[in-house]
C-alpha cells in the first residue's frame, strides 16, 4: 500500500517518499511533508541550478544556497530558476 502524505507543495494528499532523502531531522521532515511528485520536481530543478550556475557541491556556501532554494521551492515561495527556463504551464 502506498504511503500518503499531506504535501506542503501541493497542499493535498499525495503518495509520499519511500525513504527519507537525507539523514537527520531535515530528511525526516521532508519524508513526512513532501510528496514523491514534489520531490522529483525539486530534483529536476536542483540539477538545472547546479548545472546552469556551475555550483560546486564541495563548497559549503553553495550547498547552503541550494538548501535555501529547496526550502523556498517546497514552501511555494519565490525561488531561483535556471536562466531561460520556462515551466510547462507558462
N, C-alpha and C. Protein backbone atom coordinates (compact mmCIF):
# COMPACT_ATOMS: atom_id res chain seq x y z
N UNK A 1 0.84 -1.19 0.00
CA UNK A 1 0.00 0.00 0.00
C UNK A 1 0.88 1.25 0.00
N UNK A 2 0.54 2.21 -0.80
CA UNK A 2 1.29 3.44 -0.92
C UNK A 2 1.08 4.33 0.30
N UNK A 3 2.17 4.86 0.82
CA UNK A 3 2.11 5.77 1.96
C UNK A 3 1.73 7.16 1.45
N UNK A 4 0.70 7.75 2.03
CA UNK A 4 0.22 9.06 1.60
C UNK A 4 0.69 10.12 2.59
N UNK A 5 0.97 11.32 2.07
CA UNK A 5 1.34 12.44 2.91
C UNK A 5 0.55 13.67 2.48
N UNK A 6 0.37 14.59 3.40
CA UNK A 6 -0.21 15.90 3.06
C UNK A 6 0.96 16.73 2.54
N UNK A 7 1.07 16.85 1.24
CA UNK A 7 2.21 17.52 0.60
C UNK A 7 2.11 19.03 0.81
N UNK A 8 3.17 19.61 1.38
CA UNK A 8 3.16 21.05 1.61
C UNK A 8 3.30 21.85 0.32
N UNK A 9 3.85 21.26 -0.71
CA UNK A 9 3.99 21.95 -2.00
C UNK A 9 2.63 22.06 -2.70
N UNK A 10 1.86 20.99 -2.70
CA UNK A 10 0.58 20.96 -3.41
C UNK A 10 -0.63 21.05 -2.50
N UNK A 11 -0.41 21.04 -1.19
CA UNK A 11 -1.48 21.17 -0.22
C UNK A 11 -2.61 20.15 -0.43
N UNK A 12 -2.20 18.91 -0.72
CA UNK A 12 -3.18 17.83 -0.82
C UNK A 12 -2.49 16.50 -0.56
N UNK A 13 -3.30 15.48 -0.36
CA UNK A 13 -2.78 14.13 -0.10
C UNK A 13 -2.22 13.52 -1.38
N UNK A 14 -0.96 13.14 -1.33
CA UNK A 14 -0.30 12.52 -2.48
C UNK A 14 0.61 11.41 -1.98
N UNK A 15 1.01 10.49 -2.86
CA UNK A 15 1.95 9.44 -2.44
C UNK A 15 3.25 10.04 -1.92
N UNK A 16 3.71 9.51 -0.77
CA UNK A 16 4.92 10.02 -0.14
C UNK A 16 6.17 9.29 -0.60
N UNK A 17 7.31 9.80 -0.17
CA UNK A 17 8.59 9.18 -0.47
C UNK A 17 8.70 7.82 0.21
N UNK A 18 9.49 6.94 -0.36
CA UNK A 18 9.68 5.60 0.22
C UNK A 18 10.60 5.64 1.43
N UNK A 19 11.60 6.51 1.39
CA UNK A 19 12.56 6.67 2.50
C UNK A 19 12.91 8.15 2.62
N UNK A 20 13.39 8.59 3.79
CA UNK A 20 13.84 9.98 3.90
C UNK A 20 15.00 10.24 2.94
N UNK A 21 14.99 11.39 2.25
CA UNK A 21 16.03 11.68 1.26
C UNK A 21 17.36 12.12 1.87
N UNK A 22 17.34 12.55 3.14
CA UNK A 22 18.54 13.00 3.85
C UNK A 22 18.55 12.33 5.22
N UNK A 23 19.72 12.23 5.84
CA UNK A 23 19.75 11.78 7.24
C UNK A 23 19.29 12.92 8.16
N UNK A 24 18.92 12.59 9.34
CA UNK A 24 18.60 13.61 10.35
C UNK A 24 17.20 14.17 10.26
N UNK A 25 17.01 15.27 11.00
CA UNK A 25 15.68 15.86 11.13
C UNK A 25 15.17 16.47 9.82
N UNK A 26 16.05 17.05 9.03
CA UNK A 26 15.62 17.63 7.75
C UNK A 26 15.07 16.55 6.83
N UNK A 27 15.76 15.42 6.76
CA UNK A 27 15.29 14.31 5.94
C UNK A 27 13.95 13.78 6.43
N UNK A 28 13.79 13.71 7.75
CA UNK A 28 12.54 13.22 8.32
C UNK A 28 11.40 14.19 8.02
N UNK A 29 11.68 15.49 8.11
CA UNK A 29 10.66 16.50 7.80
C UNK A 29 10.21 16.38 6.34
N UNK A 30 11.15 16.24 5.43
CA UNK A 30 10.81 16.08 4.01
C UNK A 30 10.01 14.80 3.80
N UNK A 31 10.43 13.72 4.44
CA UNK A 31 9.76 12.43 4.33
C UNK A 31 8.29 12.53 4.75
N UNK A 32 8.03 13.33 5.78
CA UNK A 32 6.68 13.43 6.34
C UNK A 32 5.80 14.46 5.65
N UNK A 33 6.39 15.41 4.90
CA UNK A 33 5.58 16.52 4.38
C UNK A 33 5.71 16.78 2.88
N UNK A 34 6.51 15.98 2.17
CA UNK A 34 6.72 16.22 0.74
C UNK A 34 6.35 14.97 -0.05
N UNK A 35 5.60 15.15 -1.12
CA UNK A 35 5.19 14.03 -1.96
C UNK A 35 6.31 13.61 -2.91
N UNK A 36 6.15 12.42 -3.47
CA UNK A 36 7.10 11.94 -4.48
C UNK A 36 7.13 12.90 -5.66
N UNK A 37 5.96 13.39 -6.07
CA UNK A 37 5.86 14.30 -7.21
C UNK A 37 6.66 15.57 -6.95
N UNK A 38 6.46 16.20 -5.80
CA UNK A 38 7.16 17.45 -5.48
C UNK A 38 8.67 17.20 -5.38
N UNK A 39 9.07 16.07 -4.79
CA UNK A 39 10.49 15.77 -4.64
C UNK A 39 11.15 15.55 -6.01
N UNK A 40 10.46 14.86 -6.90
CA UNK A 40 11.02 14.64 -8.24
C UNK A 40 11.16 15.96 -8.99
N UNK A 41 10.18 16.85 -8.82
CA UNK A 41 10.27 18.16 -9.46
C UNK A 41 11.44 18.96 -8.90
N UNK A 42 11.63 18.88 -7.56
CA UNK A 42 12.76 19.56 -6.95
C UNK A 42 14.08 19.00 -7.49
N UNK A 43 14.19 17.69 -7.61
CA UNK A 43 15.43 17.10 -8.09
C UNK A 43 15.76 17.57 -9.51
N UNK A 44 14.77 17.73 -10.35
CA UNK A 44 15.00 18.25 -11.70
C UNK A 44 15.47 19.70 -11.65
N UNK A 45 14.80 20.51 -10.83
CA UNK A 45 15.20 21.90 -10.70
C UNK A 45 16.60 22.01 -10.10
N UNK A 46 16.87 21.19 -9.11
CA UNK A 46 18.19 21.18 -8.47
C UNK A 46 19.29 20.90 -9.49
N UNK A 47 19.07 19.93 -10.35
CA UNK A 47 20.05 19.59 -11.38
C UNK A 47 20.27 20.77 -12.31
N UNK A 48 19.18 21.43 -12.72
CA UNK A 48 19.30 22.59 -13.59
C UNK A 48 20.09 23.72 -12.91
N UNK A 49 19.79 23.98 -11.63
CA UNK A 49 20.50 25.04 -10.91
C UNK A 49 21.99 24.71 -10.78
N UNK A 50 22.31 23.48 -10.43
CA UNK A 50 23.71 23.09 -10.29
C UNK A 50 24.44 23.28 -11.61
N UNK A 51 23.83 22.85 -12.69
CA UNK A 51 24.48 22.95 -14.00
C UNK A 51 24.55 24.39 -14.50
N UNK A 52 23.44 25.10 -14.46
CA UNK A 52 23.38 26.46 -15.00
C UNK A 52 24.28 27.41 -14.21
N UNK A 53 24.25 27.30 -12.90
CA UNK A 53 25.02 28.21 -12.06
C UNK A 53 26.41 27.65 -11.73
N UNK A 54 26.71 26.48 -12.28
CA UNK A 54 28.01 25.82 -12.08
C UNK A 54 28.37 25.75 -10.60
N UNK A 55 27.42 25.24 -9.82
CA UNK A 55 27.64 25.12 -8.38
C UNK A 55 28.61 23.99 -8.07
N UNK A 56 29.44 24.23 -7.09
CA UNK A 56 30.40 23.23 -6.62
C UNK A 56 29.88 22.68 -5.29
N UNK A 57 29.46 21.45 -5.27
CA UNK A 57 28.86 20.88 -4.06
C UNK A 57 29.89 20.63 -2.96
N UNK A 58 31.16 20.86 -3.24
CA UNK A 58 32.19 20.79 -2.20
C UNK A 58 32.24 22.11 -1.42
N UNK A 59 31.61 23.16 -1.94
CA UNK A 59 31.61 24.48 -1.33
C UNK A 59 30.40 24.61 -0.40
N UNK A 60 30.65 24.86 0.87
CA UNK A 60 29.58 24.93 1.87
C UNK A 60 28.57 26.03 1.56
N UNK A 61 29.04 27.18 1.08
CA UNK A 61 28.12 28.28 0.77
C UNK A 61 27.19 27.92 -0.38
N UNK A 62 27.70 27.19 -1.36
CA UNK A 62 26.87 26.79 -2.49
C UNK A 62 25.88 25.70 -2.10
N UNK A 63 26.27 24.82 -1.20
CA UNK A 63 25.31 23.82 -0.67
C UNK A 63 24.23 24.52 0.13
N UNK A 64 24.60 25.54 0.90
CA UNK A 64 23.63 26.29 1.69
C UNK A 64 22.65 27.02 0.76
N UNK A 65 23.17 27.60 -0.32
CA UNK A 65 22.32 28.26 -1.32
C UNK A 65 21.29 27.26 -1.88
N UNK A 66 21.76 26.07 -2.25
CA UNK A 66 20.88 25.06 -2.83
C UNK A 66 19.83 24.61 -1.82
N UNK A 67 20.24 24.45 -0.55
CA UNK A 67 19.31 24.08 0.52
C UNK A 67 18.22 25.15 0.67
N UNK A 68 18.63 26.42 0.61
CA UNK A 68 17.68 27.52 0.71
C UNK A 68 16.70 27.49 -0.45
N UNK A 69 17.20 27.24 -1.65
CA UNK A 69 16.33 27.17 -2.82
C UNK A 69 15.35 26.00 -2.71
N UNK A 70 15.81 24.88 -2.17
CA UNK A 70 14.93 23.73 -1.97
C UNK A 70 13.80 24.11 -1.01
N UNK A 71 14.15 24.73 0.12
CA UNK A 71 13.13 25.13 1.08
C UNK A 71 12.13 26.08 0.44
N UNK A 72 12.61 27.04 -0.33
CA UNK A 72 11.73 28.01 -0.98
C UNK A 72 10.81 27.31 -1.99
N UNK A 73 11.37 26.40 -2.78
CA UNK A 73 10.58 25.65 -3.77
C UNK A 73 9.48 24.84 -3.09
N UNK A 74 9.84 24.08 -2.08
CA UNK A 74 8.87 23.20 -1.42
C UNK A 74 7.83 23.96 -0.60
N UNK A 75 8.16 25.21 -0.21
CA UNK A 75 7.22 26.03 0.56
C UNK A 75 6.45 27.01 -0.31
N UNK A 76 6.53 26.85 -1.64
CA UNK A 76 5.80 27.70 -2.58
C UNK A 76 6.17 29.17 -2.47
N UNK A 77 7.45 29.43 -2.19
CA UNK A 77 7.96 30.79 -2.17
C UNK A 77 8.71 31.03 -3.48
N UNK A 78 9.09 32.28 -3.74
CA UNK A 78 9.89 32.57 -4.94
C UNK A 78 11.23 31.87 -4.82
N UNK A 79 11.65 31.24 -5.91
CA UNK A 79 12.93 30.53 -5.93
C UNK A 79 13.63 30.83 -7.25
N UNK A 80 14.94 30.64 -7.26
CA UNK A 80 15.72 30.88 -8.48
C UNK A 80 15.43 29.79 -9.50
N UNK A 81 15.47 30.20 -10.74
CA UNK A 81 15.31 29.27 -11.85
C UNK A 81 16.53 29.38 -12.74
N UNK A 82 16.80 28.33 -13.47
CA UNK A 82 17.89 28.39 -14.44
C UNK A 82 17.50 29.39 -15.51
N UNK A 83 18.46 30.19 -15.97
CA UNK A 83 18.16 31.19 -16.99
C UNK A 83 17.63 30.52 -18.25
N UNK A 84 16.58 31.10 -18.80
CA UNK A 84 15.98 30.53 -19.99
C UNK A 84 14.96 29.44 -19.68
N UNK A 85 14.82 29.06 -18.40
CA UNK A 85 13.86 28.01 -18.03
C UNK A 85 12.45 28.57 -18.06
N UNK A 86 11.56 27.88 -18.75
CA UNK A 86 10.16 28.25 -18.79
C UNK A 86 9.34 27.03 -18.38
N UNK A 87 8.64 27.10 -17.22
CA UNK A 87 7.82 25.96 -16.80
C UNK A 87 6.79 25.60 -17.86
N UNK A 88 6.41 24.33 -17.91
CA UNK A 88 5.47 23.85 -18.92
C UNK A 88 4.14 24.58 -18.87
N UNK A 89 3.71 25.03 -17.72
CA UNK A 89 2.40 25.66 -17.58
C UNK A 89 2.36 27.09 -18.12
N UNK A 90 3.53 27.67 -18.42
CA UNK A 90 3.55 29.07 -18.90
C UNK A 90 3.54 29.14 -20.40
